[in-house]
Amino acid sequence: MQTYRAAPSAFLVFGVMCGALALLGAIAAYVSDMSWLPVLIPVCAFALACIWLSRFRLTFGPDQLSYASLFGSLRSLPVTAIVSVEPAGRTGPLESPLTVIVRSSSGEELRVNAKIFPREAVRRLFALGKR
């Protein structure tokens, strides 16, 4: 069994975005008499992003595939029941544009946010559909 979590690059992206804003806020607060609140806001945003990213799990077991996220409970599909793995043609307003749909023989769908996982996990996910 192997479990994948959000890739370090996902944390890096949020770190750069929030870090740049925090740096600008720190410079502005240092050179003027303004509040340090503009530094605190991006730091808190980064902390929330880290919590969100840390909740993603994609687990490849010997007989099942499991996926969990912060706002979605743990969902699993038997590997033998997987009939297709493909990019989502349409995504919802709260979904990543890089959502992957795993379909089972019973018609159940597992929608995976593939953008935040390492490439190896995404390749392995697509390989399940080629069996």
C-alpha atoms as a PDB file:
ATOM      1  CA  MET A   1       0.000   0.000   0.000  1.00  0.00           C
ATOM      2  CA  GLN A   2       1.309   3.431  -0.924  1.00  0.00           C
ATOM      3  CA  THR A   3      -0.177   6.757   0.111  1.00  0.00           C
ATOM      4  CA  TYR A   4       0.547   9.975  -1.734  1.00  0.00           C
ATOM      5  CA  ARG A   5       0.059  13.400  -0.233  1.00  0.00           C
ATOM      6  CA  ALA A   6       0.172  16.846  -1.774  1.00  0.00           C
ATOM      7  CA  ALA A   7       3.413  17.418  -3.661  1.00  0.00           C
ATOM      8  CA  PRO A   8       6.001  19.771  -2.149  1.00  0.00           C
ATOM      9  CA  SER A   9       5.568  21.948  -5.235  1.00  0.00           C
ATOM     10  CA  ALA A  10       1.951  22.652  -4.188  1.00  0.00           C
ATOM     11  CA  PHE A  11       3.189  23.977  -0.849  1.00  0.00           C
ATOM     12  CA  LEU A  12       5.897  25.950  -2.656  1.00  0.00           C
ATOM     13  CA  VAL A  13       3.371  27.683  -4.921  1.00  0.00           C
ATOM     14  CA  PHE A  14       1.319  28.874  -1.955  1.00  0.00           C
ATOM     15  CA  GLY A  15       4.515  29.778  -0.082  1.00  0.00           C
ATOM     16  CA  VAL A  16       5.746  31.985  -2.908  1.00  0.00           C
ATOM     17  CA  MET A  17       2.382  33.704  -3.362  1.00  0.00           C
ATOM     18  CA  CYS A  18       1.837  34.343   0.336  1.00  0.00           C
ATOM     19  CA  GLY A  19       5.515  35.037   1.006  1.00  0.00           C
ATOM     20  CA  ALA A  20       5.669  37.738  -1.655  1.00  0.00           C
ATOM     21  CA  LEU A  21       2.620  39.458  -0.174  1.00  0.00           C
ATOM     22  CA  ALA A  22       4.021  39.150   3.359  1.00  0.00           C
ATOM     23  CA  LEU A  23       7.342  40.610   2.198  1.00  0.00           C
ATOM     24  CA  LEU A  24       5.610  43.572   0.566  1.00  0.00           C
ATOM     25  CA  GLY A  25       3.584  44.115   3.730  1.00  0.00           C
ATOM     26  CA  ALA A  26       6.714  43.903   5.895  1.00  0.00           C
ATOM     27  CA  ILE A  27       8.547  46.437   3.732  1.00  0.00           C
ATOM     28  CA  ALA A  28       5.586  48.797   3.812  1.00  0.00           C
ATOM     29  CA  ALA A  29       5.221  48.436   7.590  1.00  0.00           C
ATOM     30  CA  TYR A  30       8.947  48.941   8.124  1.00  0.00           C
ATOM     31  CA  VAL A  31       9.306  52.123   6.054  1.00  0.00           C
ATOM     32  CA  SER A  32       6.091  53.712   7.316  1.00  0.00           C
ATOM     33  CA  ASP A  33       4.086  53.843  10.494  1.00  0.00           C
ATOM     34  CA  MET A  34       1.403  51.513   9.220  1.00  0.00           C
ATOM     35  CA  SER A  35       0.194  48.358  10.974  1.00  0.00           C
ATOM     36  CA  TRP A  36       1.851  44.969  10.643  1.00  0.00           C
ATOM     37  CA  LEU A  37      -1.566  43.464   9.810  1.00  0.00           C
ATOM     38  CA  PRO A  38      -0.699  43.261   6.077  1.00  0.00           C
ATOM     39  CA  VAL A  39       2.022  40.765   7.081  1.00  0.00           C
ATOM     40  CA  LEU A  40      -0.271  38.695   9.266  1.00  0.00           C
ATOM     41  CA  ILE A  41      -2.963  38.168   6.617  1.00  0.00           C
ATOM     42  CA  PRO A  42      -0.775  36.329   4.040  1.00  0.00           C
ATOM     43  CA  VAL A  43       0.924  34.340   6.816  1.00  0.00           C
ATOM     44  CA  CYS A  44      -2.495  33.138   8.014  1.00  0.00           C
ATOM     45  CA  ALA A  45      -3.512  32.428   4.413  1.00  0.00           C
ATOM     46  CA  PHE A  46      -0.408  30.256   3.989  1.00  0.00           C
ATOM     47  CA  ALA A  47      -1.180  28.391   7.226  1.00  0.00           C
ATOM     48  CA  LEU A  48      -4.724  27.687   5.989  1.00  0.00           C
ATOM     49  CA  ALA A  49      -3.388  26.534   2.598  1.00  0.00           C
ATOM     50  CA  CYS A  50      -0.979  24.162   4.361  1.00  0.00           C
ATOM     51  CA  ILE A  51      -3.808  22.695   6.435  1.00  0.00           C
ATOM     52  CA  TRP A  52      -5.938  22.279   3.297  1.00  0.00           C
ATOM     53  CA  LEU A  53      -3.122  20.624   1.331  1.00  0.00           C
ATOM     54  CA  SER A  54      -2.160  18.350   4.210  1.00  0.00           C
ATOM     55  CA  ARG A  55      -5.598  16.701   4.154  1.00  0.00           C
ATOM     56  CA  PHE A  56      -5.259  15.298   0.609  1.00  0.00           C
ATOM     57  CA  ARG A  57      -4.519  11.582   0.397  1.00  0.00           C
ATOM     58  CA  LEU A  58      -4.416   9.215  -2.561  1.00  0.00           C
ATOM     59  CA  THR A  59      -3.833   5.634  -1.475  1.00  0.00           C
ATOM     60  CA  PHE A  60      -3.104   2.723  -3.797  1.00  0.00           C
ATOM     61  CA  GLY A  61      -3.805  -0.492  -1.926  1.00  0.00           C
ATOM     62  CA  PRO A  62      -3.489  -4.036  -3.237  1.00  0.00           C
ATOM     63  CA  ASP A  63      -7.218  -4.227  -3.848  1.00  0.00           C
ATOM     64  CA  GLN A  64      -8.579  -0.684  -3.554  1.00  0.00           C
ATOM     65  CA  LEU A  65      -7.973   2.948  -4.441  1.00  0.00           C
ATOM     66  CA  SER A  66      -8.799   5.555  -1.776  1.00  0.00           C
ATOM     67  CA  TYR A  67      -9.017   9.345  -1.964  1.00  0.00           C
ATOM     68  CA  ALA A  68      -9.606  11.918   0.761  1.00  0.00           C
ATOM     69  CA  SER A  69      -9.590  15.708   0.948  1.00  0.00           C
ATOM     70  CA  LEU A  70     -10.384  18.310   3.601  1.00  0.00           C
ATOM     71  CA  PHE A  71     -14.015  18.753   2.593  1.00  0.00           C
ATOM     72  CA  GLY A  72     -14.604  15.257   1.249  1.00  0.00           C
ATOM     73  CA  SER A  73     -14.703  12.103   3.284  1.00  0.00           C
ATOM     74  CA  LEU A  74     -12.534   9.106   2.492  1.00  0.00           C
ATOM     75  CA  ARG A  75     -13.876   7.390  -0.619  1.00  0.00           C
ATOM     76  CA  SER A  76     -12.675   4.078  -1.976  1.00  0.00           C
ATOM     77  CA  LEU A  77     -13.149   1.952  -5.064  1.00  0.00           C
ATOM     78  CA  PRO A  78     -12.087  -1.658  -5.578  1.00  0.00           C
ATOM     79  CA  VAL A  79      -9.244  -1.762  -8.112  1.00  0.00           C
ATOM     80  CA  THR A  80     -10.905  -4.648  -9.946  1.00  0.00           C
ATOM     81  CA  ALA A  81     -14.049  -2.535 -10.473  1.00  0.00           C
ATOM     82  CA  ILE A  82     -12.242   0.401 -12.133  1.00  0.00           C
ATOM     83  CA  VAL A  83     -13.238   0.610 -15.796  1.00  0.00           C
ATOM     84  CA  SER A  84     -11.825   4.007 -16.767  1.00  0.00           C
ATOM     85  CA  VAL A  85      -9.628   6.843 -15.590  1.00  0.00           C
ATOM     86  CA  GLU A  86      -9.852  10.058 -17.595  1.00  0.00           C
ATOM     87  CA  PRO A  87      -9.584  13.831 -17.266  1.00  0.00           C
ATOM     88  CA  ALA A  88     -12.863  15.514 -16.369  1.00  0.00           C
ATOM     89  CA  GLY A  89     -14.511  17.145 -19.357  1.00  0.00           C
ATOM     90  CA  ARG A  90     -16.331  19.570 -17.082  1.00  0.00           C
ATOM     91  CA  THR A  91     -15.502  20.623 -13.563  1.00  0.00           C
ATOM     92  CA  GLY A  92     -17.577  22.330 -10.937  1.00  0.00           C
ATOM     93  CA  PRO A  93     -16.885  25.816  -9.586  1.00  0.00           C
ATOM     94  CA  LEU A  94     -15.041  24.388  -6.564  1.00  0.00           C
ATOM     95  CA  GLU A  95     -13.043  21.771  -8.491  1.00  0.00           C
ATOM     96  CA  SER A  96      -9.586  21.964  -9.963  1.00  0.00           C
ATOM     97  CA  PRO A  97      -9.430  22.194 -13.763  1.00  0.00           C
ATOM     98  CA  LEU A  98      -7.134  19.166 -13.514  1.00  0.00           C
ATOM     99  CA  THR A  99      -9.719  16.839 -12.017  1.00  0.00           C
ATOM    100  CA  VAL A 100      -9.473  13.157 -12.916  1.00  0.00           C
ATOM    101  CA  ILE A 101     -12.552  10.933 -12.930  1.00  0.00           C
ATOM    102  CA  VAL A 102     -12.177   7.299 -11.897  1.00  0.00           C
ATOM    103  CA  ARG A 103     -15.246   5.270 -12.915  1.00  0.00           C
ATOM    104  CA  SER A 104     -16.186   1.879 -11.559  1.00  0.00           C
ATOM    105  CA  SER A 105     -18.209  -0.897 -13.174  1.00  0.00           C
ATOM    106  CA  SER A 106     -21.120  -0.024 -10.848  1.00  0.00           C
ATOM    107  CA  GLY A 107     -21.208   3.536 -12.262  1.00  0.00           C
ATOM    108  CA  GLU A 108     -19.689   5.164  -9.190  1.00  0.00           C
ATOM    109  CA  GLU A 109     -17.324   8.079  -9.837  1.00  0.00           C
ATOM    110  CA  LEU A 110     -14.335   9.156  -7.818  1.00  0.00           C
ATOM    111  CA  ARG A 111     -13.320  12.739  -8.679  1.00  0.00           C
ATOM    112  CA  VAL A 112      -9.652  13.309  -7.824  1.00  0.00           C
ATOM    113  CA  ASN A 113      -7.903  16.691  -7.735  1.00  0.00           C
ATOM    114  CA  ALA A 114      -4.802  15.560  -9.608  1.00  0.00           C
ATOM    115  CA  LYS A 115      -3.158  18.979  -9.667  1.00  0.00           C
ATOM    116  CA  ILE A 116      -1.772  18.800  -6.162  1.00  0.00           C
ATOM    117  CA  PHE A 117      -0.354  15.266  -6.243  1.00  0.00           C
ATOM    118  CA  PRO A 118       3.124  14.274  -7.462  1.00  0.00           C
ATOM    119  CA  ARG A 119       3.401  13.236 -11.106  1.00  0.00           C
ATOM    120  CA  GLU A 120       4.174   9.667 -10.094  1.00  0.00           C
ATOM    121  CA  ALA A 121       0.796   9.418  -8.329  1.00  0.00           C
ATOM    122  CA  VAL A 122      -1.057  10.822 -11.341  1.00  0.00           C
ATOM    123  CA  ARG A 123       0.740   8.421 -13.711  1.00  0.00           C
ATOM    124  CA  ARG A 124      -0.097   5.537 -11.441  1.00  0.00           C
ATOM    125  CA  LEU A 125      -3.725   6.678 -11.302  1.00  0.00           C
ATOM    126  CA  PHE A 126      -4.011   6.764 -15.109  1.00  0.00           C
ATOM    127  CA  ALA A 127      -2.328   3.357 -15.333  1.00  0.00           C
ATOM    128  CA  LEU A 128      -5.278   1.870 -13.407  1.00  0.00           C
ATOM    129  CA  GLY A 129      -7.514   2.714 -16.358  1.00  0.00           C
ATOM    130  CA  LYS A 130      -5.243   0.943 -18.853  1.00  0.00           C
ATOM    131  CA  ARG A 131      -5.427  -2.468 -17.226  1.00  0.00           C
END
